Amino acid sequence: MAGTVYDCLAAGIVVSDHVCDPVDHLPLPGELVTTSRLDLTIGGCAANVATDLAKIGQQVGIIGKVGDDIFGRHVREQLEAANVDCTHLTRSATAETSGTLVINTRGEDRRFIHSLGANAEFTGREITAEQIRSCRSLYVGGFCLIDSLAAENVAAVFRLAREAGVLTLLDVVISGTGDYRAMLEPVLPWTDVFLPNSDEGRVILGIDDPVGQAAEYRRLGASTVVVTCADEGAILNSADVSCRIGSHDVEFVDGTGGGDAFAAGYIYGLLKDAPAEECLQYGSALGASSVRTRGATTGVFSRDELETFVSDYPLSIASIGN
């Protein structure tokens, strides 16, 4: 594509994560529980996907907003250190950098305490036609979490991307209950790949079965749907393929960013023009690499490590029919 600068532009939420090593139990009121380590890392769908793609050799830029504070400076430094172009990462003059306290309790799923911060000022209208024409793929992450990132804005951006021949990818973050289905309905018809997880599908659609979730998202307009199901693998549904892939058995330390790493691996496959089943292999492998260490992006494979792992440890894929 003429004028292409980026393999992917990742837009959406950018977060400063505060992550602890697993603790034995959550503290009772007034109790102090110790952990072996607390880290400050980058987080948020857009930042995670951008970092992971850069780690596997892709040319990536990020579009988002941070505060003019120490956490925003740390996020920018970490992204730049990972070779993510931060030209379009802007500073808010009025809001702090978004933050998440990630609490890992041994044997349990993570718990999150989140501040929207500067992300609440990101509308999606910041994504320009020129930026769209500069990339091969456009990923928007964190949709449904912030009211400012309105459905009509994302739909308009995705429509421009599709007209320009740019691949559109969408991921969501939900908090509590809400009419998320209504938010998705204007956007999914312009979405080439939708990447939710099965827990989100239960809330958005009221459907427990991830196969049924994928079919319903397709009915709402998404061209391809990949529903991740934690350690149960993932479901893919498109016009040509409907299948299930398992998951890799790796030492689990912290699940933060695992879904974003899966998305990055899947995008990597798409950018290689790989078939859907191979994209699933890349997504599953990169997601597995992420959960082996503390933090959303710290343990993610390099490109050579990813290719070797996929070659050495392919997962079985089963057709589930359309």
Protein backbone atom coordinates (compact mmCIF):
# COMPACT_ATOMS: atom_id res chain seq x y z
CA MET A 1 0.00 0.00 0.00
CA ALA A 2 1.52 3.33 -1.07
CA GLY A 3 2.55 5.58 1.81
CA THR A 4 2.42 2.80 4.38
CA VAL A 5 4.49 3.52 7.47
CA TYR A 6 3.05 1.09 10.02
CA ASP A 7 2.16 -2.57 9.95
CA CYS A 8 -0.34 -1.68 12.66
CA LEU A 9 -1.64 1.40 14.41
CA ALA A 10 -2.98 0.52 17.87
CA ALA A 11 -5.49 3.02 19.26
CA GLY A 12 -7.41 3.15 22.51
CA ILE A 13 -6.68 2.79 26.19
CA VAL A 14 -3.17 3.31 27.56
CA VAL A 15 -2.62 2.47 31.24
CA SER A 16 0.06 2.47 33.90
CA ASP A 17 -0.26 -0.92 35.65
CA HIS A 18 0.80 -1.61 39.23
CA VAL A 19 1.19 -5.38 39.44
CA CYS A 20 1.99 -7.60 42.43
CA ASP A 21 3.43 -11.08 42.59
CA PRO A 22 0.73 -13.54 43.71
CA VAL A 23 -0.31 -13.25 47.37
CA ASP A 24 -1.76 -16.08 49.45
CA HIS A 25 -5.00 -14.24 50.17
CA LEU A 26 -6.61 -10.84 49.91
CA PRO A 27 -6.01 -8.77 53.05
CA LEU A 28 -8.80 -8.47 55.58
CA PRO A 29 -9.74 -4.95 56.74
CA GLY A 30 -6.68 -3.48 58.43
CA GLU A 31 -4.47 -6.44 57.52
CA LEU A 32 -1.13 -6.12 55.70
CA VAL A 33 -0.26 -8.91 53.27
CA THR A 34 3.23 -8.99 51.77
CA THR A 35 4.21 -9.89 48.23
CA SER A 36 7.64 -10.70 46.88
CA ARG A 37 7.50 -7.92 44.31
CA LEU A 38 5.47 -4.94 43.07
CA ASP A 39 6.13 -3.63 39.55
CA LEU A 40 5.14 -0.58 37.55
CA THR A 41 4.48 -1.64 33.96
CA ILE A 42 2.58 -0.49 30.91
CA GLY A 43 -0.94 -1.75 30.40
CA GLY A 44 -4.16 -1.14 28.51
CA CYS A 45 -5.16 -2.88 25.29
CA ALA A 46 -3.62 -0.42 22.87
CA ALA A 47 -0.29 -0.18 24.71
CA ASN A 48 -0.08 -3.94 25.22
CA VAL A 49 -0.88 -4.88 21.63
CA ALA A 50 1.49 -2.21 20.29
CA THR A 51 4.33 -3.41 22.53
CA ASP A 52 3.76 -7.09 21.74
CA LEU A 53 3.68 -6.46 17.99
CA ALA A 54 6.87 -4.41 18.20
CA LYS A 55 8.53 -7.24 20.11
CA ILE A 56 7.80 -9.60 17.23
CA GLY A 57 9.31 -7.27 14.67
CA GLN A 58 6.37 -5.24 13.40
CA GLN A 59 6.39 -1.50 12.68
CA VAL A 60 3.85 -0.15 15.16
CA GLY A 61 2.49 3.21 16.23
CA ILE A 62 0.13 4.06 19.07
CA ILE A 63 -2.73 6.55 19.25
CA GLY A 64 -3.94 7.44 22.73
CA LYS A 65 -3.68 9.82 25.65
CA VAL A 66 -1.73 9.94 28.91
CA GLY A 67 -1.41 12.53 31.65
CA ASP A 68 1.40 15.03 32.03
CA ASP A 69 2.75 13.15 35.06
CA ILE A 70 5.41 10.67 36.10
CA PHE A 71 3.24 7.70 35.10
CA GLY A 72 2.64 9.12 31.63
CA ARG A 73 6.35 9.71 31.18
CA HIS A 74 7.06 6.14 32.30
CA VAL A 75 4.52 4.73 29.85
CA ARG A 76 5.99 6.71 26.97
CA GLU A 77 9.54 5.67 27.90
CA GLN A 78 8.56 2.00 28.03
CA LEU A 79 6.73 2.14 24.71
CA GLU A 80 9.62 3.90 23.02
CA ALA A 81 12.07 1.40 24.50
CA ALA A 82 9.99 -1.34 22.83
CA ASN A 83 10.30 0.52 19.48
CA VAL A 84 6.68 1.70 19.42
CA ASP A 85 6.25 5.03 17.62
CA CYS A 86 4.65 7.45 20.11
CA THR A 87 4.19 10.37 17.71
CA HIS A 88 0.41 10.14 18.16
CA LEU A 89 0.44 9.55 21.94
CA THR A 90 -0.72 12.89 23.33
CA ARG A 91 -0.71 14.42 26.82
CA SER A 92 -3.79 15.62 28.65
CA ALA A 93 -3.49 19.00 30.35
CA THR A 94 -6.26 18.18 32.80
CA ALA A 95 -6.28 14.44 33.61
CA GLU A 96 -3.80 12.02 35.14
CA THR A 97 -2.51 8.93 33.37
CA SER A 98 -4.94 6.03 33.63
CA GLY A 99 -3.90 3.43 36.21
CA THR A 100 -4.79 -0.09 37.21
CA LEU A 101 -3.94 -1.88 40.43
CA VAL A 102 -3.62 -5.56 39.44
CA ILE A 103 -4.02 -7.90 42.40
CA ASN A 104 -2.84 -11.46 41.83
CA THR A 105 -4.06 -13.96 44.40
CA ARG A 106 -2.62 -17.45 44.18
CA GLY A 107 -5.09 -19.92 42.65
CA GLU A 108 -7.60 -17.20 41.69
CA ASP A 109 -8.24 -14.92 38.75
CA ARG A 110 -6.84 -11.40 38.85
CA ARG A 111 -8.66 -8.49 40.45
CA PHE A 112 -8.47 -4.97 39.05
CA ILE A 113 -8.96 -1.52 40.51
CA HIS A 114 -8.96 0.98 37.66
CA SER A 115 -8.86 4.73 37.17
CA LEU A 116 -9.97 5.97 33.73
CA GLY A 117 -7.74 9.05 33.89
CA ALA A 118 -6.73 10.58 30.56
CA ASN A 119 -8.32 7.70 28.65
CA ALA A 120 -11.68 9.27 29.44
CA GLU A 121 -10.74 12.12 27.09
CA PHE A 122 -9.95 9.86 24.12
CA THR A 123 -12.80 9.96 21.60
CA GLY A 124 -11.49 8.12 18.53
CA ARG A 125 -11.88 11.29 16.46
CA GLU A 126 -8.15 11.76 17.01
CA ILE A 127 -7.58 9.04 14.39
CA THR A 128 -7.20 10.88 11.10
CA ALA A 129 -7.63 9.75 7.52
CA GLU A 130 -3.92 10.40 6.98
CA GLN A 131 -3.02 8.11 9.88
CA ILE A 132 -5.33 5.42 8.54
CA ARG A 133 -3.69 5.58 5.12
CA SER A 134 -0.30 5.18 6.80
CA CYS A 135 -1.00 1.66 8.14
CA ARG A 136 -1.82 -1.85 7.00
CA SER A 137 -4.04 -2.59 10.00
CA LEU A 138 -5.90 -0.51 12.58
CA TYR A 139 -6.56 -1.98 16.03
CA VAL A 140 -8.91 -0.27 18.51
CA GLY A 141 -8.75 -1.64 22.05
CA GLY A 142 -10.72 -0.80 25.17
CA PHE A 143 -13.98 -0.06 23.36
CA CYS A 144 -17.02 -0.03 25.71
CA LEU A 145 -14.94 1.04 28.75
CA ILE A 146 -14.96 4.81 28.18
CA ASP A 147 -18.04 6.78 27.12
CA SER A 148 -15.97 9.24 25.09
CA LEU A 149 -14.88 6.50 22.66
CA ALA A 150 -18.35 6.55 21.14
CA ALA A 151 -19.70 3.92 18.77
CA GLU A 152 -20.36 6.42 16.00
CA ASN A 153 -16.75 7.62 16.17
CA VAL A 154 -15.27 4.13 15.95
CA ALA A 155 -17.70 3.15 13.19
CA ALA A 156 -16.72 6.24 11.17
CA VAL A 157 -13.01 5.49 11.58
CA PHE A 158 -13.46 1.84 10.63
CA ARG A 159 -15.51 2.80 7.58
CA LEU A 160 -12.67 5.05 6.41
CA ALA A 161 -10.20 2.24 7.06
CA ARG A 162 -12.19 -0.28 5.07
CA GLU A 163 -12.51 2.15 2.16
CA ALA A 164 -8.71 2.55 2.28
CA GLY A 165 -8.14 -1.21 2.28
CA VAL A 166 -6.88 -1.18 5.89
CA LEU A 167 -7.69 -4.16 8.09
CA THR A 168 -9.88 -3.25 11.10
CA LEU A 169 -9.63 -5.04 14.45
CA LEU A 170 -11.69 -4.39 17.58
CA ASP A 171 -11.36 -5.43 21.22
CA VAL A 172 -13.51 -4.48 24.19
CA VAL A 173 -13.15 -3.93 27.91
CA ILE A 174 -16.30 -3.95 30.00
CA SER A 175 -16.94 -2.93 33.59
CA GLY A 176 -20.11 -4.17 35.25
CA THR A 177 -23.37 -4.29 33.35
CA GLY A 178 -24.45 -2.06 30.51
CA ASP A 179 -26.04 -2.05 27.08
CA TYR A 180 -22.82 -3.12 25.40
CA ARG A 181 -24.63 -4.88 22.59
CA ALA A 182 -26.15 -1.57 21.49
CA MET A 183 -22.69 -0.01 21.52
CA LEU A 184 -21.30 -2.79 19.30
CA GLU A 185 -24.10 -2.89 16.75
CA PRO A 186 -22.97 0.19 14.73
CA VAL A 187 -19.30 -0.89 14.79
CA LEU A 188 -19.28 -4.63 14.06
CA PRO A 189 -20.43 -4.29 10.41
CA TRP A 190 -17.19 -2.35 9.79
CA THR A 191 -15.03 -4.73 11.82
CA ASP A 192 -12.87 -7.25 10.00
CA VAL A 193 -11.79 -9.10 13.17
CA PHE A 194 -13.51 -8.89 16.57
CA LEU A 195 -11.50 -10.27 19.51
CA PRO A 196 -13.60 -10.54 22.70
CA ASN A 197 -13.32 -13.15 25.45
CA SER A 198 -16.03 -15.54 26.58
CA ASP A 199 -16.59 -13.80 29.93
CA GLU A 200 -17.33 -10.57 28.09
CA GLY A 201 -19.70 -12.43 25.79
CA ARG A 202 -21.78 -13.64 28.73
CA VAL A 203 -22.35 -10.04 29.78
CA ILE A 204 -22.70 -8.49 26.32
CA LEU A 205 -24.94 -11.13 24.77
CA GLY A 206 -26.32 -13.16 27.67
CA ILE A 207 -24.98 -16.30 25.96
CA ASP A 208 -22.80 -18.75 27.91
CA ASP A 209 -21.52 -20.88 25.02
CA PRO A 210 -18.56 -19.22 23.22
CA VAL A 211 -19.54 -20.96 19.99
CA GLY A 212 -22.94 -19.31 20.24
CA GLN A 213 -21.30 -16.01 21.14
CA ALA A 214 -19.12 -16.09 18.03
CA ALA A 215 -22.09 -16.89 15.81
CA GLU A 216 -24.11 -14.02 17.27
CA TYR A 217 -21.29 -11.49 16.82
CA ARG A 218 -21.06 -12.63 13.20
CA ARG A 219 -24.80 -12.16 12.83
CA LEU A 220 -24.33 -8.60 14.12
CA GLY A 221 -21.90 -7.93 11.28
CA ALA A 222 -18.31 -8.82 12.25
CA SER A 223 -16.48 -10.51 9.37
CA THR A 224 -14.37 -12.74 11.62
CA VAL A 225 -14.81 -13.37 15.34
CA VAL A 226 -12.22 -14.90 17.65
CA VAL A 227 -13.51 -15.59 21.17
CA THR A 228 -10.73 -16.38 23.63
CA CYS A 229 -11.67 -18.72 26.48
CA ALA A 230 -8.68 -18.54 28.89
CA ASP A 231 -7.16 -22.01 29.40
CA GLU A 232 -9.89 -23.58 27.24
CA GLY A 233 -8.42 -22.06 24.08
CA ALA A 234 -10.32 -20.04 21.51
CA ILE A 235 -13.19 -20.21 19.02
CA LEU A 236 -12.99 -18.76 15.50
CA ASN A 237 -15.97 -18.08 13.28
CA SER A 238 -15.75 -16.57 9.80
CA ALA A 239 -17.44 -17.05 6.44
CA ASP A 240 -14.93 -19.76 5.56
CA VAL A 241 -13.83 -21.33 8.84
CA SER A 242 -15.40 -22.26 12.16
CA CYS A 243 -13.04 -24.03 14.52
CA ARG A 244 -11.72 -24.47 18.03
CA ILE A 245 -8.10 -24.39 19.18
CA GLY A 246 -6.79 -25.53 22.55
CA SER A 247 -4.27 -23.81 24.81
CA HIS A 248 -0.63 -24.33 25.75
CA ASP A 249 0.26 -25.81 29.13
CA VAL A 250 2.75 -23.28 30.52
CA GLU A 251 3.58 -22.15 34.03
CA PHE A 252 1.00 -19.51 34.94
CA VAL A 253 2.24 -16.48 36.90
CA ASP A 254 0.05 -13.54 35.84
CA GLY A 255 -2.74 -13.48 33.28
CA THR A 256 -2.59 -9.70 32.81
CA GLY A 257 -2.27 -8.96 29.10
CA GLY A 258 -2.73 -12.54 27.97
CA GLY A 259 -5.69 -11.68 25.76
CA ASP A 260 -3.84 -8.71 24.28
CA ALA A 261 -0.83 -10.91 23.50
CA PHE A 262 -3.20 -13.37 21.79
CA ALA A 263 -4.56 -10.48 19.71
CA ALA A 264 -1.04 -9.36 18.77
CA GLY A 265 -0.08 -12.87 17.71
CA TYR A 266 -3.24 -13.21 15.65
CA ILE A 267 -2.57 -9.85 13.97
CA TYR A 268 1.00 -10.98 13.24
CA GLY A 269 -0.41 -13.96 11.38
CA LEU A 270 -2.79 -11.77 9.41
CA LEU A 271 0.04 -9.44 8.43
CA LYS A 272 1.89 -12.50 7.08
CA ASP A 273 -1.22 -13.42 5.05
CA ALA A 274 -1.37 -16.68 7.01
CA PRO A 275 -4.56 -18.77 6.95
CA ALA A 276 -6.94 -18.43 9.90
CA GLU A 277 -5.76 -21.63 11.56
CA GLU A 278 -2.14 -20.45 11.52
CA CYS A 279 -3.18 -17.06 12.92
CA LEU A 280 -4.76 -18.95 15.82
CA GLN A 281 -1.47 -20.79 16.40
CA TYR A 282 0.43 -17.50 16.60
CA GLY A 283 -2.19 -15.96 18.88
CA SER A 284 -2.24 -18.94 21.23
CA ALA A 285 1.55 -19.10 21.43
CA LEU A 286 2.06 -15.40 22.08
CA GLY A 287 -0.73 -15.39 24.66
CA ALA A 288 0.89 -18.33 26.45
CA SER A 289 4.26 -16.53 26.53
CA SER A 290 2.65 -13.53 28.24
CA VAL A 291 1.24 -15.33 31.28
CA ARG A 292 4.57 -16.85 32.34
CA THR A 293 5.76 -13.62 33.98
CA ARG A 294 4.40 -10.70 35.97
CA GLY A 295 3.06 -7.82 33.86
CA ALA A 296 1.18 -7.53 30.60
CA THR A 297 4.10 -7.50 28.16
CA THR A 298 7.28 -8.44 30.03
CA GLY A 299 7.41 -12.14 29.07
CA VAL A 300 6.20 -11.94 25.47
CA PHE A 301 8.21 -13.86 22.87
CA SER A 302 10.47 -12.26 20.28
CA ARG A 303 9.67 -13.08 16.65
CA ASP A 304 12.23 -15.88 16.48
CA GLU A 305 11.00 -17.35 19.76
CA LEU A 306 7.41 -17.18 18.52
CA GLU A 307 8.18 -18.88 15.22
CA THR A 308 10.17 -21.62 16.96
CA PHE A 309 7.48 -22.23 19.57
CA VAL A 310 4.71 -22.45 16.96
CA SER A 311 6.81 -24.87 14.92
CA ASP A 312 7.76 -27.05 17.90
CA TYR A 313 4.44 -27.03 19.79
CA PRO A 314 1.52 -26.82 17.36
CA LEU A 315 -1.92 -27.07 18.91
CA SER A 316 -4.66 -29.27 17.49
CA ILE A 317 -7.51 -27.46 15.78
CA ALA A 318 -10.97 -28.98 15.43
CA SER A 319 -13.64 -27.90 13.01
CA ILE A 320 -16.98 -27.09 14.64
CA GLY A 321 -18.92 -26.35 11.48
CA ASN A 322 -20.73 -23.16 10.58
